[in-house]
Amino acid sequence: MSQLESVLLKPLITEKATKATEKFNRYGFVVAEWATKNQIKKAVEKLYDVKVLKVATVTLPGKHHRFGAHAYKSAYRKRALVQLGEGQRIEFFKGV
C-alpha cells in the first residue's frame, strides 16, 4: 500500500484547475509518470476519503531549453483531473 502514497506528487493549484473545481467538481494533481488511472483513483479515495467518479490524465512533453552553449530537455510531466461525486470536496488548505 505504500505505493499508493507515491502516486500523487502534489495538488495542481492553477487558475484553470480552480475554475474546474468550482464549476465541475474536478480536482487536479501532478502524478507519477508510471501511475495508471486506476491507481490514481485508489490513491485519491484512500488519502482524501472521497468517492471518485472519473479520472482523466494528460502527459505533457518536456520542453527544450538553452543555457549558453548547453542545450537540454526538461522531463515530461503527467497530470490527472479527478472528478468527485456530488457533495464531495477536497480541502487542500485547511485552516487558511
N, C-alpha and C. Protein backbone atom coordinates (compact mmCIF):
# COMPACT_ATOMS: atom_id res chain seq x y z
N MET A 1 0.81 -1.21 0.00
CA MET A 1 0.00 0.00 0.00
C MET A 1 0.84 1.26 0.00
N SER A 2 2.13 1.15 0.31
CA SER A 2 2.95 2.36 0.32
C SER A 2 3.11 2.92 -1.09
N GLN A 3 2.82 2.12 -2.09
CA GLN A 3 2.91 2.59 -3.46
C GLN A 3 1.83 3.62 -3.77
N LEU A 4 0.66 3.52 -3.13
CA LEU A 4 -0.43 4.47 -3.38
C LEU A 4 -0.06 5.87 -2.93
N GLU A 5 0.72 6.00 -1.85
CA GLU A 5 1.11 7.33 -1.38
C GLU A 5 2.09 8.00 -2.35
N SER A 6 2.82 7.22 -3.13
CA SER A 6 3.79 7.80 -4.06
C SER A 6 3.18 8.11 -5.43
N VAL A 7 1.90 7.82 -5.62
CA VAL A 7 1.24 8.09 -6.90
C VAL A 7 0.99 9.59 -7.05
N LEU A 8 0.43 10.23 -6.03
CA LEU A 8 0.12 11.66 -6.08
C LEU A 8 1.34 12.45 -5.60
N LEU A 9 1.90 13.28 -6.47
CA LEU A 9 3.06 14.07 -6.10
C LEU A 9 2.66 15.38 -5.41
N LYS A 10 1.72 16.10 -6.00
CA LYS A 10 1.25 17.35 -5.39
C LYS A 10 -0.06 17.76 -6.06
N PRO A 11 -0.86 18.57 -5.36
CA PRO A 11 -2.08 19.07 -5.99
C PRO A 11 -1.75 20.13 -7.03
N LEU A 12 -2.59 20.24 -8.01
CA LEU A 12 -2.41 21.20 -9.09
C LEU A 12 -3.25 22.43 -8.76
N ILE A 13 -2.59 23.49 -8.32
CA ILE A 13 -3.27 24.72 -7.92
C ILE A 13 -2.98 25.78 -8.98
N THR A 14 -3.84 25.87 -9.97
CA THR A 14 -3.72 26.88 -11.01
C THR A 14 -5.09 27.54 -11.18
N GLU A 15 -5.10 28.61 -11.94
CA GLU A 15 -6.37 29.31 -12.18
C GLU A 15 -7.36 28.41 -12.92
N LYS A 16 -6.87 27.71 -13.92
CA LYS A 16 -7.73 26.84 -14.71
C LYS A 16 -8.26 25.67 -13.88
N ALA A 17 -7.40 25.09 -13.05
CA ALA A 17 -7.83 23.98 -12.20
C ALA A 17 -8.83 24.44 -11.15
N THR A 18 -8.66 25.65 -10.63
CA THR A 18 -9.59 26.18 -9.64
C THR A 18 -10.97 26.42 -10.25
N LYS A 19 -11.01 26.89 -11.48
CA LYS A 19 -12.30 27.08 -12.16
C LYS A 19 -12.99 25.74 -12.41
N ALA A 20 -12.21 24.72 -12.77
CA ALA A 20 -12.79 23.39 -12.98
C ALA A 20 -13.32 22.81 -11.67
N THR A 21 -12.66 23.14 -10.56
CA THR A 21 -13.13 22.69 -9.26
C THR A 21 -14.47 23.33 -8.92
N GLU A 22 -14.58 24.62 -9.15
CA GLU A 22 -15.80 25.33 -8.81
C GLU A 22 -16.97 24.94 -9.71
N LYS A 23 -16.70 24.74 -10.98
CA LYS A 23 -17.77 24.50 -11.95
C LYS A 23 -18.16 23.02 -12.06
N PHE A 24 -17.16 22.13 -12.12
CA PHE A 24 -17.44 20.71 -12.40
C PHE A 24 -17.06 19.76 -11.27
N ASN A 25 -16.57 20.27 -10.14
CA ASN A 25 -16.13 19.46 -9.01
C ASN A 25 -14.98 18.53 -9.42
N ARG A 26 -14.03 19.08 -10.19
CA ARG A 26 -12.83 18.35 -10.63
C ARG A 26 -11.62 18.92 -9.92
N TYR A 27 -10.72 18.06 -9.52
CA TYR A 27 -9.50 18.46 -8.83
C TYR A 27 -8.30 17.97 -9.63
N GLY A 28 -7.26 18.78 -9.70
CA GLY A 28 -6.07 18.44 -10.46
C GLY A 28 -4.92 18.01 -9.57
N PHE A 29 -4.14 17.05 -10.05
CA PHE A 29 -2.98 16.56 -9.34
C PHE A 29 -1.84 16.34 -10.32
N VAL A 30 -0.61 16.56 -9.85
CA VAL A 30 0.56 16.13 -10.59
C VAL A 30 0.86 14.74 -10.06
N VAL A 31 0.95 13.77 -10.97
CA VAL A 31 1.09 12.37 -10.56
C VAL A 31 2.38 11.79 -11.12
N ALA A 32 2.75 10.62 -10.62
CA ALA A 32 3.94 9.91 -11.10
C ALA A 32 3.72 9.47 -12.55
N GLU A 33 4.81 9.40 -13.32
CA GLU A 33 4.70 9.05 -14.73
C GLU A 33 4.17 7.65 -14.95
N TRP A 34 4.44 6.74 -14.03
CA TRP A 34 4.05 5.34 -14.16
C TRP A 34 2.64 5.07 -13.67
N ALA A 35 1.96 6.05 -13.09
CA ALA A 35 0.65 5.84 -12.47
C ALA A 35 -0.44 5.62 -13.52
N THR A 36 -1.30 4.66 -13.26
CA THR A 36 -2.44 4.41 -14.13
C THR A 36 -3.67 5.10 -13.55
N LYS A 37 -4.74 5.16 -14.33
CA LYS A 37 -5.97 5.81 -13.87
C LYS A 37 -6.54 5.09 -12.64
N ASN A 38 -6.47 3.78 -12.64
CA ASN A 38 -7.00 3.00 -11.52
C ASN A 38 -6.19 3.27 -10.25
N GLN A 39 -4.86 3.36 -10.35
CA GLN A 39 -4.02 3.65 -9.20
C GLN A 39 -4.28 5.06 -8.67
N ILE A 40 -4.49 6.01 -9.58
CA ILE A 40 -4.78 7.39 -9.18
C ILE A 40 -6.11 7.44 -8.44
N LYS A 41 -7.11 6.74 -8.96
CA LYS A 41 -8.42 6.70 -8.32
C LYS A 41 -8.33 6.13 -6.91
N LYS A 42 -7.64 5.01 -6.75
CA LYS A 42 -7.49 4.39 -5.44
C LYS A 42 -6.74 5.29 -4.47
N ALA A 43 -5.69 5.97 -4.96
CA ALA A 43 -4.89 6.85 -4.09
C ALA A 43 -5.72 8.04 -3.59
N VAL A 44 -6.49 8.67 -4.47
CA VAL A 44 -7.31 9.81 -4.07
C VAL A 44 -8.40 9.37 -3.10
N GLU A 45 -9.03 8.25 -3.37
CA GLU A 45 -10.08 7.76 -2.48
C GLU A 45 -9.53 7.41 -1.10
N LYS A 46 -8.33 6.84 -1.05
CA LYS A 46 -7.74 6.46 0.23
C LYS A 46 -7.23 7.67 1.00
N LEU A 47 -6.52 8.57 0.33
CA LEU A 47 -5.89 9.68 1.04
C LEU A 47 -6.87 10.78 1.44
N TYR A 48 -7.90 11.02 0.63
CA TYR A 48 -8.82 12.12 0.90
C TYR A 48 -10.21 11.65 1.34
N ASP A 49 -10.47 10.35 1.38
CA ASP A 49 -11.73 9.77 1.82
C ASP A 49 -12.92 10.35 1.06
N VAL A 50 -12.85 10.26 -0.28
CA VAL A 50 -13.91 10.74 -1.17
C VAL A 50 -14.23 9.65 -2.19
N LYS A 51 -15.32 9.83 -2.92
CA LYS A 51 -15.72 8.91 -3.98
C LYS A 51 -15.36 9.53 -5.33
N VAL A 52 -14.52 8.85 -6.11
CA VAL A 52 -14.07 9.35 -7.41
C VAL A 52 -14.96 8.75 -8.50
N LEU A 53 -15.50 9.61 -9.37
CA LEU A 53 -16.32 9.15 -10.48
C LEU A 53 -15.51 8.91 -11.74
N LYS A 54 -14.57 9.82 -12.03
CA LYS A 54 -13.85 9.76 -13.30
C LYS A 54 -12.45 10.30 -13.14
N VAL A 55 -11.50 9.74 -13.88
CA VAL A 55 -10.11 10.22 -13.88
C VAL A 55 -9.69 10.45 -15.32
N ALA A 56 -9.17 11.63 -15.60
CA ALA A 56 -8.62 11.95 -16.92
C ALA A 56 -7.15 12.31 -16.73
N THR A 57 -6.29 11.76 -17.57
CA THR A 57 -4.85 12.04 -17.46
C THR A 57 -4.33 12.66 -18.74
N VAL A 58 -3.27 13.43 -18.59
CA VAL A 58 -2.59 14.02 -19.74
C VAL A 58 -1.09 14.00 -19.44
N THR A 59 -0.30 13.58 -20.44
CA THR A 59 1.14 13.58 -20.32
C THR A 59 1.69 14.75 -21.12
N LEU A 60 2.36 15.66 -20.43
CA LEU A 60 2.91 16.84 -21.08
C LEU A 60 4.36 16.60 -21.45
N PRO A 61 4.75 16.86 -22.69
CA PRO A 61 6.14 16.59 -23.10
C PRO A 61 7.10 17.57 -22.47
N GLY A 62 8.37 17.18 -22.41
CA GLY A 62 9.40 18.06 -21.89
C GLY A 62 9.68 19.20 -22.85
N LYS A 63 10.19 20.29 -22.32
CA LYS A 63 10.49 21.46 -23.15
C LYS A 63 11.99 21.56 -23.40
N HIS A 64 12.34 22.11 -24.54
CA HIS A 64 13.74 22.32 -24.90
C HIS A 64 14.20 23.65 -24.30
N HIS A 65 15.34 23.62 -23.62
CA HIS A 65 15.91 24.82 -23.01
C HIS A 65 17.34 25.00 -23.47
N ARG A 66 17.79 26.23 -23.43
CA ARG A 66 19.17 26.56 -23.77
C ARG A 66 19.75 27.44 -22.69
N PHE A 67 20.96 27.14 -22.28
CA PHE A 67 21.68 27.97 -21.34
C PHE A 67 23.08 28.14 -21.89
N GLY A 68 23.29 29.25 -22.59
CA GLY A 68 24.57 29.46 -23.25
C GLY A 68 24.76 28.47 -24.38
N ALA A 69 25.86 27.74 -24.33
CA ALA A 69 26.15 26.75 -25.37
C ALA A 69 25.52 25.39 -25.07
N HIS A 70 24.92 25.26 -23.90
CA HIS A 70 24.35 23.98 -23.49
C HIS A 70 22.85 23.94 -23.76
N ALA A 71 22.42 22.86 -24.37
CA ALA A 71 21.00 22.65 -24.63
C ALA A 71 20.56 21.38 -23.90
N TYR A 72 19.38 21.43 -23.33
CA TYR A 72 18.86 20.26 -22.65
C TYR A 72 17.34 20.25 -22.76
N LYS A 73 16.75 19.14 -22.38
CA LYS A 73 15.30 18.98 -22.43
C LYS A 73 14.82 18.61 -21.03
N SER A 74 13.81 19.32 -20.55
CA SER A 74 13.27 19.02 -19.23
C SER A 74 12.44 17.73 -19.29
N ALA A 75 12.22 17.15 -18.15
CA ALA A 75 11.48 15.89 -18.06
C ALA A 75 10.00 16.12 -18.37
N TYR A 76 9.34 15.08 -18.85
CA TYR A 76 7.91 15.20 -19.11
C TYR A 76 7.16 15.06 -17.80
N ARG A 77 5.93 15.55 -17.77
CA ARG A 77 5.12 15.56 -16.57
C ARG A 77 3.77 14.91 -16.88
N LYS A 78 3.15 14.37 -15.86
CA LYS A 78 1.84 13.76 -16.02
C LYS A 78 0.89 14.41 -15.03
N ARG A 79 -0.28 14.82 -15.52
CA ARG A 79 -1.30 15.44 -14.69
C ARG A 79 -2.56 14.59 -14.74
N ALA A 80 -3.34 14.68 -13.68
CA ALA A 80 -4.61 13.96 -13.62
C ALA A 80 -5.70 14.90 -13.14
N LEU A 81 -6.84 14.86 -13.80
CA LEU A 81 -8.04 15.57 -13.35
C LEU A 81 -9.00 14.52 -12.81
N VAL A 82 -9.39 14.71 -11.56
CA VAL A 82 -10.23 13.74 -10.86
C VAL A 82 -11.58 14.37 -10.60
N GLN A 83 -12.65 13.73 -11.07
CA GLN A 83 -13.99 14.24 -10.82
C GLN A 83 -14.61 13.47 -9.66
N LEU A 84 -15.10 14.23 -8.68
CA LEU A 84 -15.67 13.63 -7.48
C LEU A 84 -17.18 13.53 -7.57
N GLY A 85 -17.75 12.73 -6.69
CA GLY A 85 -19.19 12.57 -6.63
C GLY A 85 -19.86 13.82 -6.10
N GLU A 86 -21.17 13.85 -6.21
CA GLU A 86 -21.96 15.01 -5.79
C GLU A 86 -21.81 15.23 -4.29
N GLY A 87 -21.51 16.45 -3.90
CA GLY A 87 -21.37 16.81 -2.49
C GLY A 87 -20.01 16.49 -1.89
N GLN A 88 -19.09 15.91 -2.64
CA GLN A 88 -17.75 15.58 -2.16
C GLN A 88 -16.83 16.78 -2.34
N ARG A 89 -15.89 16.97 -1.42
CA ARG A 89 -14.91 18.05 -1.53
C ARG A 89 -13.57 17.60 -1.02
N ILE A 90 -12.52 18.23 -1.51
CA ILE A 90 -11.16 18.02 -1.01
C ILE A 90 -10.66 19.37 -0.50
N GLU A 91 -10.17 19.40 0.73
CA GLU A 91 -9.62 20.62 1.31
C GLU A 91 -8.09 20.52 1.23
N PHE A 92 -7.49 21.30 0.34
CA PHE A 92 -6.03 21.32 0.23
C PHE A 92 -5.42 22.18 1.33
N PHE A 93 -6.06 23.29 1.66
CA PHE A 93 -5.55 24.22 2.65
C PHE A 93 -6.53 24.30 3.81
N LYS A 94 -6.32 23.51 4.84
CA LYS A 94 -7.20 23.51 6.00
C LYS A 94 -6.71 24.59 6.97
N GLY A 95 -7.65 25.39 7.44
CA GLY A 95 -7.32 26.40 8.44
C GLY A 95 -6.69 27.66 7.86
N VAL A 96 -6.77 27.84 6.56
CA VAL A 96 -6.18 29.05 5.94
C VAL A 96 -7.30 30.00 5.60
